[in-house]
Amino acid sequence: MSYLKQKKNWIFDMDGTLTVANHDFEAIKRELNLPLETDILTSLSKLTKEEADKKHIHLNQIELKIAKSSVPSPGSFELLRNIKTQTNQMGILTRNSFSNSIETLKAAGLIDYFDPNFIFCRERAIPKPNPEGIFRLMDLWKASPKETVMIGDYVYDLDAGRAAGVETIYIDPDGKFPFKDSATHCVRQLDEILNL
């Protein structure tokens, strides 16, 4: 039985998974004057509300610029088209903001595949690696973990999936897979999932 038939509920990371990775996180941290050794959202969560609000506005501006130049990752249309033909649910779990997620999907030509109600971003769920967004999507879909999969390009995606009890697919175009211990399957591009 093909993987496509086994899984009814598909949750995707966005940047670097559905779209080609073009965030330079180190440069963003420098521009926001944040420590380089900690991820951006964790650093922002440790600031005073006033300071965090200011930096969130700046972060949104930086990410909007990146969103507008987004391109779909190789194999994304093939996979999404195939998932769409079955009776499946598709959602997104991203650490990006909601408005920039919509801009990213528009720029990449992927917006028609996703219901905005199923796009969970940093305003709608505790950011990955916390699994809250996956639990909330499964709740909306009345879905079981057995029929659900989380797909992403970073350890946070895989850790969130494992914490939610779902299988994980790790995408790494370079084929190096440094976080493969946290993944159920590893692929270099999304359409390889069709042959799992």
C-alpha atoms as a PDB file:
ATOM      1  CA  MET A   1       0.000   0.000   0.000  1.00  0.00           C
ATOM      2  CA  SER A   2       1.489   3.339  -1.023  1.00  0.00           C
ATOM      3  CA  TYR A   3       2.377   5.901   1.596  1.00  0.00           C
ATOM      4  CA  LEU A   4      -0.088   8.274  -0.048  1.00  0.00           C
ATOM      5  CA  LYS A   5      -2.953   5.877   0.742  1.00  0.00           C
ATOM      6  CA  GLN A   6      -1.802   5.234   4.333  1.00  0.00           C
ATOM      7  CA  LYS A   7      -1.707   8.880   5.342  1.00  0.00           C
ATOM      8  CA  LYS A   8      -4.866  10.984   5.315  1.00  0.00           C
ATOM      9  CA  ASN A   9      -3.526  14.068   7.108  1.00  0.00           C
ATOM     10  CA  TRP A  10      -0.511  15.972   5.839  1.00  0.00           C
ATOM     11  CA  ILE A  11       1.172  18.711   7.857  1.00  0.00           C
ATOM     12  CA  PHE A  12       3.943  20.691   6.193  1.00  0.00           C
ATOM     13  CA  ASP A  13       6.556  23.079   7.431  1.00  0.00           C
ATOM     14  CA  MET A  14       6.642  25.980   4.970  1.00  0.00           C
ATOM     15  CA  ASP A  15      10.022  27.725   4.520  1.00  0.00           C
ATOM     16  CA  GLY A  16      12.628  25.265   3.269  1.00  0.00           C
ATOM     17  CA  THR A  17      10.002  22.528   2.849  1.00  0.00           C
ATOM     18  CA  LEU A  18       7.194  23.730   0.562  1.00  0.00           C
ATOM     19  CA  THR A  19       9.429  26.571  -0.629  1.00  0.00           C
ATOM     20  CA  VAL A  20      13.148  26.781  -1.346  1.00  0.00           C
ATOM     21  CA  ALA A  21      14.986  27.867   1.817  1.00  0.00           C
ATOM     22  CA  ASN A  22      16.046  31.516   1.552  1.00  0.00           C
ATOM     23  CA  HIS A  23      16.192  32.691   5.173  1.00  0.00           C
ATOM     24  CA  ASP A  24      19.644  33.683   6.390  1.00  0.00           C
ATOM     25  CA  PHE A  25      18.889  33.291  10.094  1.00  0.00           C
ATOM     26  CA  GLU A  26      22.283  34.534  11.210  1.00  0.00           C
ATOM     27  CA  ALA A  27      21.875  37.750   9.210  1.00  0.00           C
ATOM     28  CA  ILE A  28      18.351  38.230  10.625  1.00  0.00           C
ATOM     29  CA  LYS A  29      19.657  37.780  14.195  1.00  0.00           C
ATOM     30  CA  ARG A  30      22.379  40.348  13.532  1.00  0.00           C
ATOM     31  CA  GLU A  31      19.870  42.818  12.090  1.00  0.00           C
ATOM     32  CA  LEU A  32      17.611  42.344  15.127  1.00  0.00           C
ATOM     33  CA  ASN A  33      20.607  42.485  17.469  1.00  0.00           C
ATOM     34  CA  LEU A  34      19.832  39.053  18.956  1.00  0.00           C
ATOM     35  CA  PRO A  35      22.273  36.369  20.214  1.00  0.00           C
ATOM     36  CA  LEU A  36      23.508  34.130  17.383  1.00  0.00           C
ATOM     37  CA  GLU A  37      23.451  30.902  19.399  1.00  0.00           C
ATOM     38  CA  THR A  38      19.688  30.968  20.167  1.00  0.00           C
ATOM     39  CA  ASP A  39      16.771  30.725  17.725  1.00  0.00           C
ATOM     40  CA  ILE A  40      14.965  33.995  17.006  1.00  0.00           C
ATOM     41  CA  LEU A  41      11.595  33.247  18.641  1.00  0.00           C
ATOM     42  CA  THR A  42      13.230  31.966  21.831  1.00  0.00           C
ATOM     43  CA  SER A  43      15.348  35.135  22.047  1.00  0.00           C
ATOM     44  CA  LEU A  44      12.294  37.352  21.479  1.00  0.00           C
ATOM     45  CA  SER A  45      10.349  35.498  24.186  1.00  0.00           C
ATOM     46  CA  LYS A  46      12.984  36.528  26.753  1.00  0.00           C
ATOM     47  CA  LEU A  47      12.679  40.280  26.097  1.00  0.00           C
ATOM     48  CA  THR A  48      10.366  42.772  27.797  1.00  0.00           C
ATOM     49  CA  LYS A  49       6.989  43.017  26.080  1.00  0.00           C
ATOM     50  CA  GLU A  50       7.775  46.482  24.712  1.00  0.00           C
ATOM     51  CA  GLU A  51      11.138  45.445  23.284  1.00  0.00           C
ATOM     52  CA  ALA A  52       9.766  42.165  21.910  1.00  0.00           C
ATOM     53  CA  ASP A  53       6.851  43.966  20.197  1.00  0.00           C
ATOM     54  CA  LYS A  54       9.275  46.330  18.478  1.00  0.00           C
ATOM     55  CA  LYS A  55      11.529  43.525  17.298  1.00  0.00           C
ATOM     56  CA  HIS A  56       8.540  41.437  16.136  1.00  0.00           C
ATOM     57  CA  ILE A  57       7.485  44.326  13.868  1.00  0.00           C
ATOM     58  CA  HIS A  58      11.016  44.503  12.466  1.00  0.00           C
ATOM     59  CA  LEU A  59      11.115  40.694  12.051  1.00  0.00           C
ATOM     60  CA  ASN A  60       7.793  40.763  10.164  1.00  0.00           C
ATOM     61  CA  GLN A  61       9.212  43.370   7.774  1.00  0.00           C
ATOM     62  CA  ILE A  62      12.336  41.284   7.124  1.00  0.00           C
ATOM     63  CA  GLU A  63      10.261  38.132   6.608  1.00  0.00           C
ATOM     64  CA  LEU A  64       7.781  39.892   4.312  1.00  0.00           C
ATOM     65  CA  LYS A  65      10.619  40.801   1.953  1.00  0.00           C
ATOM     66  CA  ILE A  66      11.746  37.151   1.951  1.00  0.00           C
ATOM     67  CA  ALA A  67       8.131  35.936   1.523  1.00  0.00           C
ATOM     68  CA  LYS A  68       7.617  37.992  -1.638  1.00  0.00           C
ATOM     69  CA  SER A  69      10.555  36.265  -3.346  1.00  0.00           C
ATOM     70  CA  SER A  70       9.522  32.703  -2.396  1.00  0.00           C
ATOM     71  CA  VAL A  71       9.696  29.939  -4.982  1.00  0.00           C
ATOM     72  CA  PRO A  72       8.174  26.457  -4.675  1.00  0.00           C
ATOM     73  CA  SER A  73      10.567  23.663  -3.794  1.00  0.00           C
ATOM     74  CA  PRO A  74      11.155  20.994  -6.480  1.00  0.00           C
ATOM     75  CA  GLY A  75       8.428  18.368  -6.485  1.00  0.00           C
ATOM     76  CA  SER A  76       5.995  20.384  -4.353  1.00  0.00           C
ATOM     77  CA  PHE A  77       3.309  20.731  -7.060  1.00  0.00           C
ATOM     78  CA  GLU A  78       3.476  17.023  -7.944  1.00  0.00           C
ATOM     79  CA  LEU A  79       3.092  15.958  -4.327  1.00  0.00           C
ATOM     80  CA  LEU A  80       0.348  18.455  -3.436  1.00  0.00           C
ATOM     81  CA  ARG A  81      -1.645  17.612  -6.585  1.00  0.00           C
ATOM     82  CA  ASN A  82      -1.477  13.916  -5.737  1.00  0.00           C
ATOM     83  CA  ILE A  83      -2.494  14.450  -2.106  1.00  0.00           C
ATOM     84  CA  LYS A  84      -5.359  16.676  -3.268  1.00  0.00           C
ATOM     85  CA  THR A  85      -6.828  13.959  -5.497  1.00  0.00           C
ATOM     86  CA  GLN A  86      -7.334  11.643  -2.486  1.00  0.00           C
ATOM     87  CA  THR A  87      -9.691  12.525   0.383  1.00  0.00           C
ATOM     88  CA  ASN A  88      -6.968  14.081   2.463  1.00  0.00           C
ATOM     89  CA  GLN A  89      -6.438  17.040   4.752  1.00  0.00           C
ATOM     90  CA  MET A  90      -3.473  19.369   4.327  1.00  0.00           C
ATOM     91  CA  GLY A  91      -2.172  21.914   6.790  1.00  0.00           C
ATOM     92  CA  ILE A  92       0.880  24.036   7.494  1.00  0.00           C
ATOM     93  CA  LEU A  93       2.739  24.434  10.766  1.00  0.00           C
ATOM     94  CA  THR A  94       5.270  27.263  10.562  1.00  0.00           C
ATOM     95  CA  ARG A  95       7.228  29.496  12.922  1.00  0.00           C
ATOM     96  CA  ASN A  96       6.509  32.356  10.497  1.00  0.00           C
ATOM     97  CA  SER A  97       3.660  34.881  10.976  1.00  0.00           C
ATOM     98  CA  PHE A  98       0.218  34.280   9.448  1.00  0.00           C
ATOM     99  CA  SER A  99       0.294  37.263   7.069  1.00  0.00           C
ATOM    100  CA  ASN A 100       3.783  36.371   5.812  1.00  0.00           C
ATOM    101  CA  SER A 101       2.745  32.728   5.416  1.00  0.00           C
ATOM    102  CA  ILE A 102      -0.036  33.824   3.074  1.00  0.00           C
ATOM    103  CA  GLU A 103       2.408  36.054   1.132  1.00  0.00           C
ATOM    104  CA  THR A 104       4.894  33.178   0.875  1.00  0.00           C
ATOM    105  CA  LEU A 105       2.277  30.749  -0.473  1.00  0.00           C
ATOM    106  CA  LYS A 106       1.006  33.358  -2.959  1.00  0.00           C
ATOM    107  CA  ALA A 107       4.501  34.129  -4.269  1.00  0.00           C
ATOM    108  CA  ALA A 108       5.286  30.410  -4.615  1.00  0.00           C
ATOM    109  CA  GLY A 109       1.961  29.691  -6.351  1.00  0.00           C
ATOM    110  CA  LEU A 110       0.887  27.231  -3.630  1.00  0.00           C
ATOM    111  CA  ILE A 111      -1.894  29.253  -1.981  1.00  0.00           C
ATOM    112  CA  ASP A 112      -4.770  27.300  -3.616  1.00  0.00           C
ATOM    113  CA  TYR A 113      -3.715  24.054  -1.958  1.00  0.00           C
ATOM    114  CA  PHE A 114      -4.244  25.264   1.612  1.00  0.00           C
ATOM    115  CA  ASP A 115      -7.285  26.341   3.617  1.00  0.00           C
ATOM    116  CA  PRO A 116      -6.225  29.377   5.724  1.00  0.00           C
ATOM    117  CA  ASN A 117      -7.965  27.756   8.738  1.00  0.00           C
ATOM    118  CA  PHE A 118      -5.358  25.000   8.593  1.00  0.00           C
ATOM    119  CA  ILE A 119      -2.323  27.296   8.504  1.00  0.00           C
ATOM    120  CA  PHE A 120      -0.908  27.370  12.018  1.00  0.00           C
ATOM    121  CA  CYS A 121       1.765  29.998  12.566  1.00  0.00           C
ATOM    122  CA  ARG A 122       3.464  31.581  15.556  1.00  0.00           C
ATOM    123  CA  GLU A 123       0.344  33.576  16.482  1.00  0.00           C
ATOM    124  CA  ARG A 124      -1.916  30.509  16.486  1.00  0.00           C
ATOM    125  CA  ALA A 125       0.164  27.862  18.296  1.00  0.00           C
ATOM    126  CA  ILE A 126       3.201  27.576  20.540  1.00  0.00           C
ATOM    127  CA  PRO A 127       6.095  27.436  18.018  1.00  0.00           C
ATOM    128  CA  LYS A 128       7.751  24.136  17.073  1.00  0.00           C
ATOM    129  CA  PRO A 129       9.399  22.048  18.484  1.00  0.00           C
ATOM    130  CA  ASN A 130       6.291  22.223  20.707  1.00  0.00           C
ATOM    131  CA  PRO A 131       3.712  19.848  19.131  1.00  0.00           C
ATOM    132  CA  GLU A 132       0.671  22.006  19.995  1.00  0.00           C
ATOM    133  CA  GLY A 133      -0.005  22.987  16.362  1.00  0.00           C
ATOM    134  CA  ILE A 134      -0.033  19.340  15.251  1.00  0.00           C
ATOM    135  CA  PHE A 135      -2.442  18.382  18.051  1.00  0.00           C
ATOM    136  CA  ARG A 136      -4.719  21.284  17.140  1.00  0.00           C
ATOM    137  CA  LEU A 137      -4.786  20.360  13.446  1.00  0.00           C
ATOM    138  CA  MET A 138      -5.508  16.707  14.267  1.00  0.00           C
ATOM    139  CA  ASP A 139      -8.271  17.907  16.562  1.00  0.00           C
ATOM    140  CA  LEU A 140      -9.842  20.025  13.799  1.00  0.00           C
ATOM    141  CA  TRP A 141      -9.668  17.084  11.398  1.00  0.00           C
ATOM    142  CA  LYS A 142     -10.750  14.438  13.957  1.00  0.00           C
ATOM    143  CA  ALA A 143      -7.547  12.711  12.870  1.00  0.00           C
ATOM    144  CA  SER A 144      -5.549   9.877  14.386  1.00  0.00           C
ATOM    145  CA  PRO A 145      -1.746  10.121  14.740  1.00  0.00           C
ATOM    146  CA  LYS A 146      -1.431   6.849  12.770  1.00  0.00           C
ATOM    147  CA  GLU A 147      -2.890   8.510   9.659  1.00  0.00           C
ATOM    148  CA  THR A 148      -0.971  11.782  10.062  1.00  0.00           C
ATOM    149  CA  VAL A 149       2.498  12.833   8.919  1.00  0.00           C
ATOM    150  CA  MET A 150       4.676  15.909   9.602  1.00  0.00           C
ATOM    151  CA  ILE A 151       7.081  17.002   6.851  1.00  0.00           C
ATOM    152  CA  GLY A 152       9.922  19.445   7.437  1.00  0.00           C
ATOM    153  CA  ASP A 153      13.527  20.425   6.804  1.00  0.00           C
ATOM    154  CA  TYR A 154      14.700  21.043  10.365  1.00  0.00           C
ATOM    155  CA  VAL A 155      14.977  19.187  13.670  1.00  0.00           C
ATOM    156  CA  TYR A 156      12.180  21.326  15.203  1.00  0.00           C
ATOM    157  CA  ASP A 157       9.704  19.950  12.631  1.00  0.00           C
ATOM    158  CA  LEU A 158      10.781  16.380  13.298  1.00  0.00           C
ATOM    159  CA  ASP A 159      10.801  16.785  17.090  1.00  0.00           C
ATOM    160  CA  ALA A 160       7.300  18.304  17.015  1.00  0.00           C
ATOM    161  CA  GLY A 161       6.058  15.383  14.929  1.00  0.00           C
ATOM    162  CA  ARG A 162       7.619  12.794  17.223  1.00  0.00           C
ATOM    163  CA  ALA A 163       6.201  14.524  20.309  1.00  0.00           C
ATOM    164  CA  ALA A 164       2.742  14.366  18.693  1.00  0.00           C
ATOM    165  CA  GLY A 165       3.166  10.655  17.924  1.00  0.00           C
ATOM    166  CA  VAL A 166       3.066  11.036  14.127  1.00  0.00           C
ATOM    167  CA  GLU A 167       5.493   9.824  11.460  1.00  0.00           C
ATOM    168  CA  THR A 168       7.965  12.407  10.162  1.00  0.00           C
ATOM    169  CA  ILE A 169       9.466  12.993   6.736  1.00  0.00           C
ATOM    170  CA  TYR A 170      12.730  14.904   6.637  1.00  0.00           C
ATOM    171  CA  ILE A 171      13.536  16.845   3.481  1.00  0.00           C
ATOM    172  CA  ASP A 172      17.155  17.829   2.808  1.00  0.00           C
ATOM    173  CA  PRO A 173      18.006  18.781  -0.805  1.00  0.00           C
ATOM    174  CA  ASP A 174      21.725  18.297  -0.025  1.00  0.00           C
ATOM    175  CA  GLY A 175      21.102  14.696   1.024  1.00  0.00           C
ATOM    176  CA  LYS A 176      23.198  15.090   4.199  1.00  0.00           C
ATOM    177  CA  PHE A 177      20.334  14.566   6.701  1.00  0.00           C
ATOM    178  CA  PRO A 178      22.079  15.707   9.915  1.00  0.00           C
ATOM    179  CA  PHE A 179      18.835  15.152  11.912  1.00  0.00           C
ATOM    180  CA  LYS A 180      17.917  11.763  10.405  1.00  0.00           C
ATOM    181  CA  ASP A 181      17.665  10.118  13.840  1.00  0.00           C
ATOM    182  CA  SER A 182      14.505  12.166  14.436  1.00  0.00           C
ATOM    183  CA  ALA A 183      12.877  11.159  11.108  1.00  0.00           C
ATOM    184  CA  THR A 184      10.799   8.203   9.946  1.00  0.00           C
ATOM    185  CA  HIS A 185      11.742   8.804   6.286  1.00  0.00           C
ATOM    186  CA  CYS A 186      14.318  11.007   4.509  1.00  0.00           C
ATOM    187  CA  VAL A 187      13.851  12.545   1.036  1.00  0.00           C
ATOM    188  CA  ARG A 188      15.817  15.047  -1.049  1.00  0.00           C
ATOM    189  CA  GLN A 189      12.706  16.507  -2.650  1.00  0.00           C
ATOM    190  CA  LEU A 190       8.974  16.336  -2.008  1.00  0.00           C
ATOM    191  CA  ASP A 191       7.864  14.255  -5.008  1.00  0.00           C
ATOM    192  CA  GLU A 192      10.065  11.354  -3.735  1.00  0.00           C
ATOM    193  CA  ILE A 193       7.316  10.870  -1.113  1.00  0.00           C
ATOM    194  CA  LEU A 194       5.100   9.514  -3.927  1.00  0.00           C
ATOM    195  CA  ASN A 195       7.377   6.453  -4.143  1.00  0.00           C
ATOM    196  CA  LEU A 196       7.650   5.691  -0.413  1.00  0.00           C
END
